[in-house]
Amino acid sequence: MTSEMNSEFKDLLQLSETVGSDPALVQAAGGNTSVVIDDTLWIKASGTWLMNANTSDIMVPVQLRPLLEAIDNTDPSAERAQSFIDQNKNPGGLRPSIETTVHAVLPQKVVVHVHCIHTIAIAVRTDAKQVLKSKLAGFHWVYVPYHRPGLPLSQAIAKELSKQTDVVILGNHGLVVAADTVAEAEALLNSVCNALAATPRTSAPKPSVRFNTVRFNTAELQVRATDSEFRLPAFDETHNTACDEISLMFAAGGSLYPDHVIFLGVGVTVANADESAIDVCERLQKAGEPTPVLILFPGIGALIHQTADAAKEAMARCLADVTELIAPEAELYYLSEQQNHELLNWDAEKYRQTMNKA
């Protein structure tokens, strides 16, 4: 590896740490970055956190040409990118991101994929493409409707690409930017995120969409949690989903993006008026439904299961961050029952959860 390329690799690690430390761009083990050096695609390992890029081994070397050939031939092995790892450069035995094929089909050397909350707030809309036209004028962008992450998504992206494309908006998923240097990719990422930025309703001057003037009611939540397996969430922002009427409506509609399904389950659980956490769990048990990770108490706040790890905490906050950015009049596209099912029963996602816990 030349000193120039080595410097580029180090720059990617720094950018990875930067975006991975910003909850508006990346939550938990979500998002991924890559750089091509001497026909090797170095990409974030599945289940690792971008924010740890400078302190942990999180990058995996993948042989790019054989992988691209497999993608072109619709070879099932492309779905399992670990088949293309250069094992001599992977002493930690890491497994590449489930989005490896997405990075591979983009021709630029550097690719950054983030779950930008401002992007998702538009990408979940049924009129997302129309909204993006006005906000991304001047960018070389394409919009790709929702596909299951991995090979199906990369194939859909490949069909939309032109020689100039360097911005990809993923329906119900996030943002991808690509460039030939890390510095260019970072500048493009910042420009696109600024263009898509919106003001959260919870910081807007009009309080009419709030259930009450109190941000959330800690005392009442503690009462609702009595003798249950639930506790207050780590982030105060998580309560905003329950305390903003419009956010609650959007959240209650179903699953909006893949990582919500993976870490919080399908949709969200909303408590009835006088229910405690125990009452909610008993109601769900009678209906044959699992114990929820997150419970929203309208106008009061949220409770999260006591076993929730950092990833679940991050995704609970993400739900609040995304829903409070969605325009009140928007019509949303929710993941279907089949789309939820394929995410929950996908081996690659099960592996990512295992790595995340580790």
Protein backbone atom coordinates (compact mmCIF):
# COMPACT_ATOMS: atom_id res chain seq x y z
CA MET A 1 0.00 0.00 0.00
CA THR A 2 1.48 3.35 -1.03
CA SER A 3 1.88 6.19 1.45
CA GLU A 4 -0.82 8.10 -0.47
CA MET A 5 -3.28 5.23 -0.23
CA ASN A 6 -2.35 4.59 3.36
CA SER A 7 -3.18 8.22 4.09
CA GLU A 8 -6.51 7.82 2.32
CA PHE A 9 -7.30 4.79 4.46
CA LYS A 10 -6.51 6.75 7.60
CA ASP A 11 -8.71 9.58 6.36
CA LEU A 12 -11.56 7.12 5.89
CA LEU A 13 -11.17 5.88 9.45
CA GLN A 14 -11.37 9.45 10.72
CA LEU A 15 -14.46 10.19 8.63
CA SER A 16 -16.01 6.94 9.83
CA GLU A 17 -15.47 7.93 13.45
CA THR A 18 -16.90 11.39 12.79
CA VAL A 19 -20.13 10.27 11.12
CA GLY A 20 -20.47 7.31 13.47
CA SER A 21 -20.42 9.65 16.46
CA ASP A 22 -23.30 11.76 15.11
CA PRO A 23 -26.74 10.25 15.93
CA ALA A 24 -28.24 12.37 13.14
CA LEU A 25 -26.18 10.36 10.65
CA VAL A 26 -25.58 6.93 12.16
CA GLN A 27 -27.26 4.97 14.93
CA ALA A 28 -25.60 2.01 16.65
CA ALA A 29 -24.06 -0.45 14.17
CA GLY A 30 -25.83 1.15 11.22
CA GLY A 31 -24.17 2.80 8.24
CA ASN A 32 -20.93 1.80 6.55
CA THR A 33 -17.95 3.26 4.71
CA SER A 34 -15.48 1.88 2.19
CA VAL A 35 -12.42 2.71 0.11
CA VAL A 36 -10.92 0.86 -2.85
CA ILE A 37 -7.12 0.39 -2.65
CA ASP A 38 -5.30 -1.72 -5.26
CA ASP A 39 -8.46 -3.62 -6.27
CA THR A 40 -9.29 -4.35 -2.65
CA LEU A 41 -12.53 -2.98 -1.24
CA TRP A 42 -11.96 -2.14 2.41
CA ILE A 43 -15.40 -1.96 4.01
CA LYS A 44 -16.80 -1.76 7.51
CA ALA A 45 -17.36 -5.11 9.17
CA SER A 46 -20.89 -6.27 9.93
CA GLY A 47 -22.08 -5.46 13.44
CA THR A 48 -19.24 -3.04 14.21
CA TRP A 49 -19.74 0.64 15.02
CA LEU A 50 -18.32 3.36 12.80
CA MET A 51 -17.64 5.51 15.83
CA ASN A 52 -14.98 2.97 16.88
CA ALA A 53 -13.05 3.20 13.61
CA ASN A 54 -9.92 4.65 15.20
CA THR A 55 -9.91 2.41 18.26
CA SER A 56 -10.98 -0.99 16.95
CA ASP A 57 -10.38 -3.15 13.88
CA ILE A 58 -13.59 -2.59 11.93
CA MET A 59 -12.52 -2.78 8.26
CA VAL A 60 -12.57 -5.93 6.11
CA PRO A 61 -10.65 -6.46 2.82
CA VAL A 62 -12.84 -7.77 -0.01
CA GLN A 63 -11.55 -8.76 -3.46
CA LEU A 64 -13.48 -6.38 -5.67
CA ARG A 65 -13.23 -7.88 -9.17
CA PRO A 66 -14.46 -11.38 -8.26
CA LEU A 67 -17.30 -9.83 -6.27
CA LEU A 68 -18.37 -7.64 -9.20
CA GLU A 69 -18.33 -10.66 -11.49
CA ALA A 70 -20.57 -12.52 -9.06
CA ILE A 71 -22.97 -9.56 -8.93
CA ASP A 72 -23.06 -9.34 -12.75
CA ASN A 73 -23.82 -13.06 -12.99
CA THR A 74 -26.43 -12.89 -10.20
CA ASP A 75 -24.34 -15.45 -8.34
CA PRO A 76 -25.89 -16.19 -4.91
CA SER A 77 -22.39 -16.08 -3.42
CA ALA A 78 -22.41 -12.28 -3.91
CA GLU A 79 -25.02 -12.10 -1.19
CA ARG A 80 -22.47 -13.64 1.15
CA ALA A 81 -19.60 -11.21 0.61
CA GLN A 82 -17.49 -13.13 3.11
CA SER A 83 -16.73 -15.53 0.23
CA PHE A 84 -14.61 -12.78 -1.33
CA ILE A 85 -12.57 -11.74 1.71
CA ASP A 86 -8.79 -11.56 1.37
CA GLN A 87 -8.19 -13.71 4.43
CA ASN A 88 -4.48 -12.84 4.52
CA LYS A 89 -5.46 -9.29 5.42
CA ASN A 90 -8.26 -10.22 7.81
CA PRO A 91 -6.58 -11.63 10.94
CA GLY A 92 -9.59 -10.79 13.09
CA GLY A 93 -11.89 -13.00 11.04
CA LEU A 94 -14.39 -10.18 10.55
CA ARG A 95 -17.34 -10.46 8.18
CA PRO A 96 -18.05 -7.63 5.71
CA SER A 97 -21.08 -5.39 5.95
CA ILE A 98 -24.37 -6.66 4.58
CA GLU A 99 -24.19 -3.63 2.27
CA THR A 100 -20.90 -4.69 0.64
CA THR A 101 -22.48 -5.22 -2.78
CA VAL A 102 -23.99 -1.73 -2.62
CA HIS A 103 -20.51 -0.26 -2.24
CA ALA A 104 -19.12 -2.54 -4.93
CA VAL A 105 -21.51 -1.43 -7.70
CA LEU A 106 -20.61 2.23 -7.30
CA PRO A 107 -17.61 3.11 -9.50
CA GLN A 108 -16.06 5.72 -7.19
CA LYS A 109 -13.23 4.76 -4.82
CA VAL A 110 -14.88 6.03 -1.63
CA VAL A 111 -18.46 5.28 -0.57
CA VAL A 112 -20.23 6.49 2.56
CA HIS A 113 -23.63 5.12 3.53
CA VAL A 114 -25.45 6.73 6.46
CA HIS A 115 -28.89 6.56 8.01
CA CYS A 116 -29.27 10.34 8.02
CA ILE A 117 -32.47 11.19 9.91
CA HIS A 118 -33.22 14.13 7.61
CA THR A 119 -32.90 11.84 4.59
CA ILE A 120 -35.06 9.11 6.10
CA ALA A 121 -37.76 11.65 7.02
CA ILE A 122 -38.16 12.26 3.28
CA ALA A 123 -37.35 8.75 2.05
CA VAL A 124 -40.31 7.26 3.96
CA ARG A 125 -42.77 9.50 2.11
CA THR A 126 -44.85 8.19 -0.79
CA ASP A 127 -43.92 11.37 -2.70
CA ALA A 128 -40.24 11.21 -1.76
CA LYS A 129 -38.97 11.54 -5.32
CA GLN A 130 -40.97 14.72 -5.90
CA VAL A 131 -39.77 16.28 -2.65
CA LEU A 132 -36.17 15.43 -3.46
CA LYS A 133 -36.33 17.09 -6.87
CA SER A 134 -36.59 20.52 -5.32
CA LYS A 135 -34.16 19.92 -2.49
CA LEU A 136 -31.40 18.24 -4.50
CA ALA A 137 -31.39 20.44 -7.58
CA GLY A 138 -27.82 20.65 -8.83
CA PHE A 139 -26.76 17.27 -7.40
CA HIS A 140 -26.21 14.13 -9.48
CA TRP A 141 -28.66 11.98 -7.59
CA VAL A 142 -30.99 9.04 -8.05
CA TYR A 143 -33.81 7.72 -5.89
CA VAL A 144 -34.16 3.96 -5.41
CA PRO A 145 -37.40 2.65 -3.85
CA TYR A 146 -37.11 0.27 -0.91
CA HIS A 147 -35.42 -3.07 -1.49
CA ARG A 148 -34.13 -5.49 1.10
CA PRO A 149 -30.56 -4.44 2.06
CA GLY A 150 -27.83 -6.43 0.38
CA LEU A 151 -27.85 -7.88 -3.14
CA PRO A 152 -31.44 -6.91 -4.07
CA LEU A 153 -30.70 -3.30 -3.14
CA SER A 154 -27.36 -3.20 -4.97
CA GLN A 155 -28.97 -4.61 -8.14
CA ALA A 156 -31.68 -1.95 -7.97
CA ILE A 157 -29.07 0.78 -7.52
CA ALA A 158 -26.98 -0.49 -10.45
CA LYS A 159 -29.99 -0.14 -12.77
CA GLU A 160 -30.38 3.55 -11.87
CA LEU A 161 -26.76 4.67 -12.05
CA SER A 162 -25.34 6.99 -14.68
CA LYS A 163 -21.69 8.01 -15.10
CA GLN A 164 -22.30 11.15 -13.05
CA THR A 165 -24.31 9.65 -10.19
CA ASP A 166 -22.66 10.24 -6.83
CA VAL A 167 -25.70 10.56 -4.55
CA VAL A 168 -28.21 7.77 -3.96
CA ILE A 169 -31.33 8.20 -1.83
CA LEU A 170 -32.60 4.86 -0.59
CA GLY A 171 -36.34 4.62 -0.02
CA ASN A 172 -37.13 3.92 3.65
CA HIS A 173 -33.45 3.49 4.33
CA GLY A 174 -30.94 6.32 4.03
CA LEU A 175 -28.28 8.07 1.99
CA VAL A 176 -25.25 6.98 -0.02
CA VAL A 177 -22.58 9.36 -1.37
CA ALA A 178 -19.58 8.41 -3.48
CA ALA A 179 -16.40 10.18 -4.57
CA ASP A 180 -12.82 9.46 -5.56
CA THR A 181 -11.30 10.82 -2.34
CA VAL A 182 -12.37 10.81 1.28
CA ALA A 183 -12.27 14.61 1.39
CA GLU A 184 -14.61 14.85 -1.58
CA ALA A 185 -16.97 12.27 -0.10
CA GLU A 186 -17.10 14.16 3.20
CA ALA A 187 -17.80 17.46 1.46
CA LEU A 188 -20.55 15.87 -0.63
CA LEU A 189 -22.10 14.22 2.42
CA ASN A 190 -22.22 17.53 4.26
CA SER A 191 -23.70 19.33 1.25
CA VAL A 192 -26.47 16.77 0.74
CA CYS A 193 -27.35 16.63 4.44
CA ASN A 194 -27.55 20.43 4.58
CA ALA A 195 -29.81 20.46 1.54
CA LEU A 196 -32.18 17.94 3.14
CA ALA A 197 -32.15 19.43 6.64
CA ALA A 198 -35.50 20.22 8.27
CA THR A 199 -36.53 21.76 11.60
CA PRO A 200 -37.85 19.29 14.22
CA ARG A 201 -41.40 20.01 15.32
CA THR A 202 -40.41 19.68 18.97
CA SER A 203 -38.16 22.74 18.63
CA ALA A 204 -40.67 24.74 16.59
CA PRO A 205 -42.35 27.75 18.25
CA LYS A 206 -45.90 26.40 17.91
CA PRO A 207 -46.77 23.99 20.75
CA SER A 208 -50.11 22.94 19.24
CA VAL A 209 -48.90 19.46 18.31
CA ARG A 210 -47.72 18.76 21.82
CA PHE A 211 -49.94 16.78 24.18
CA ASN A 212 -48.82 18.92 27.08
CA THR A 213 -46.39 21.65 27.98
CA VAL A 214 -44.16 19.22 29.87
CA ARG A 215 -41.62 17.46 27.67
CA PHE A 216 -42.32 14.14 29.37
CA ASN A 217 -43.66 13.07 32.75
CA THR A 218 -40.98 11.16 34.66
CA ALA A 219 -43.09 10.62 37.78
CA GLU A 220 -45.99 9.16 35.82
CA LEU A 221 -43.67 6.95 33.78
CA GLN A 222 -42.18 5.53 36.97
CA VAL A 223 -45.67 4.69 38.15
CA ARG A 224 -46.44 2.97 34.82
CA ALA A 225 -43.19 0.99 35.13
CA THR A 226 -43.90 -0.27 38.66
CA ASP A 227 -43.12 -3.99 39.12
CA SER A 228 -42.45 -4.38 35.40
CA GLU A 229 -39.38 -5.18 33.30
CA PHE A 230 -39.34 -1.65 31.88
CA ARG A 231 -37.38 1.48 32.73
CA LEU A 232 -36.77 5.01 31.50
CA PRO A 233 -34.78 5.16 28.24
CA ALA A 234 -31.21 6.45 28.19
CA PHE A 235 -32.02 9.41 25.95
CA ASP A 236 -34.55 12.08 26.87
CA GLU A 237 -35.18 12.55 23.14
CA THR A 238 -36.77 9.10 22.99
CA HIS A 239 -39.84 10.46 24.79
CA ASN A 240 -40.59 12.86 21.94
CA THR A 241 -42.28 10.12 19.90
CA ALA A 242 -44.91 9.70 22.61
CA CYS A 243 -45.25 13.38 23.49
CA ASP A 244 -45.71 14.77 19.99
CA GLU A 245 -49.10 13.92 18.54
CA ILE A 246 -47.94 13.80 14.93
CA SER A 247 -44.83 11.78 15.72
CA LEU A 248 -46.96 9.28 17.60
CA MET A 249 -49.33 8.97 14.65
CA PHE A 250 -46.47 8.30 12.23
CA ALA A 251 -44.76 5.82 14.57
CA ALA A 252 -47.96 3.90 15.24
CA GLY A 253 -48.48 3.33 11.51
CA GLY A 254 -45.89 0.57 11.21
CA SER A 255 -42.21 -0.03 10.42
CA LEU A 256 -40.51 2.82 8.57
CA TYR A 257 -36.94 1.53 7.97
CA PRO A 258 -34.93 -1.70 8.31
CA ASP A 259 -32.89 -1.04 11.45
CA HIS A 260 -36.05 -0.25 13.40
CA VAL A 261 -37.33 -3.75 12.60
CA ILE A 262 -34.00 -5.40 13.39
CA PHE A 263 -33.48 -3.79 16.78
CA LEU A 264 -36.95 -2.76 18.02
CA GLY A 265 -39.20 -5.24 16.25
CA VAL A 266 -42.09 -4.64 13.87
CA GLY A 267 -43.85 -1.32 14.37
CA VAL A 268 -44.22 0.13 17.84
CA THR A 269 -46.38 -0.56 20.90
CA VAL A 270 -48.67 2.23 22.08
CA ALA A 271 -50.28 1.95 25.53
CA ASN A 272 -53.96 2.60 26.07
CA ALA A 273 -55.04 5.50 28.29
CA ASP A 274 -54.68 3.98 31.77
CA GLU A 275 -52.45 1.00 31.03
CA SER A 276 -49.25 0.27 32.93
CA ALA A 277 -46.30 -1.54 31.36
CA ILE A 278 -47.54 -4.75 32.96
CA ASP A 279 -51.03 -4.21 31.53
CA VAL A 280 -49.57 -3.68 28.05
CA CYS A 281 -47.52 -6.87 28.22
CA GLU A 282 -50.50 -8.90 29.44
CA ARG A 283 -52.63 -7.54 26.60
CA LEU A 284 -49.98 -8.46 24.04
CA GLN A 285 -49.45 -11.89 25.56
CA LYS A 286 -53.15 -12.67 25.25
CA ALA A 287 -52.96 -11.67 21.60
CA GLY A 288 -49.99 -13.99 21.06
CA GLU A 289 -47.56 -11.12 20.51
CA PRO A 290 -44.05 -10.83 21.97
CA THR A 291 -42.94 -8.56 24.78
CA PRO A 292 -42.10 -5.19 23.22
CA VAL A 293 -38.75 -3.43 23.44
CA LEU A 294 -40.34 0.02 23.57
CA ILE A 295 -43.71 1.21 24.90
CA LEU A 296 -45.09 4.65 24.09
CA PHE A 297 -47.48 6.28 26.56
CA PRO A 298 -49.29 9.10 24.69
CA GLY A 299 -48.62 12.50 26.21
CA ILE A 300 -46.48 10.98 28.96
CA GLY A 301 -43.33 9.49 27.45
CA ALA A 302 -41.64 6.18 26.72
CA LEU A 303 -40.42 3.13 28.62
CA ILE A 304 -37.85 0.68 27.29
CA HIS A 305 -37.22 -2.93 28.29
CA GLN A 306 -34.59 -3.27 30.99
CA THR A 307 -32.52 -5.61 28.78
CA ALA A 308 -32.25 -3.04 25.97
CA ASP A 309 -28.62 -2.54 24.93
CA ALA A 310 -26.95 0.52 23.43
CA ALA A 311 -28.13 -0.35 19.92
CA LYS A 312 -31.79 -0.57 20.96
CA GLU A 313 -31.45 2.67 22.91
CA ALA A 314 -30.02 4.36 19.83
CA MET A 315 -32.80 3.09 17.60
CA ALA A 316 -35.49 4.15 20.09
CA ARG A 317 -34.07 7.66 19.96
CA CYS A 318 -33.81 7.48 16.16
CA LEU A 319 -37.55 6.85 15.91
CA ALA A 320 -38.19 10.13 17.73
CA ASP A 321 -35.57 11.99 15.71
CA VAL A 322 -37.02 10.82 12.38
CA THR A 323 -40.73 11.19 13.08
CA GLU A 324 -40.40 14.74 14.39
CA LEU A 325 -38.85 15.76 11.06
CA ILE A 326 -41.63 14.39 8.85
CA ALA A 327 -43.98 17.01 7.45
CA PRO A 328 -47.41 16.69 9.16
CA GLU A 329 -49.25 16.41 5.84
CA ALA A 330 -47.01 13.63 4.48
CA GLU A 331 -48.32 10.23 3.44
CA LEU A 332 -45.90 7.48 4.37
CA TYR A 333 -44.79 4.19 2.91
CA TYR A 334 -44.51 1.52 5.61
CA LEU A 335 -42.66 -1.77 5.21
CA SER A 336 -45.02 -4.61 4.38
CA GLU A 337 -45.52 -7.74 6.44
CA GLN A 338 -43.38 -9.65 3.95
CA GLN A 339 -40.62 -7.04 4.07
CA ASN A 340 -40.61 -7.14 7.87
CA HIS A 341 -40.49 -10.93 7.78
CA GLU A 342 -37.53 -11.14 5.41
CA LEU A 343 -35.53 -8.76 7.59
CA LEU A 344 -36.23 -10.68 10.79
CA ASN A 345 -35.40 -14.03 9.22
CA TRP A 346 -32.29 -13.00 7.29
CA ASP A 347 -29.11 -14.75 8.45
CA ALA A 348 -26.96 -11.68 7.68
CA GLU A 349 -29.02 -9.53 10.04
CA LYS A 350 -28.98 -12.19 12.75
CA TYR A 351 -25.20 -12.20 12.50
CA ARG A 352 -25.08 -8.41 12.72
CA GLN A 353 -27.14 -8.47 15.93
CA THR A 354 -24.82 -11.09 17.40
CA MET A 355 -21.77 -8.97 16.57
CA ASN A 356 -23.44 -5.87 17.94
CA LYS A 357 -24.03 -7.59 21.29
CA ALA A 358 -20.40 -8.70 21.34
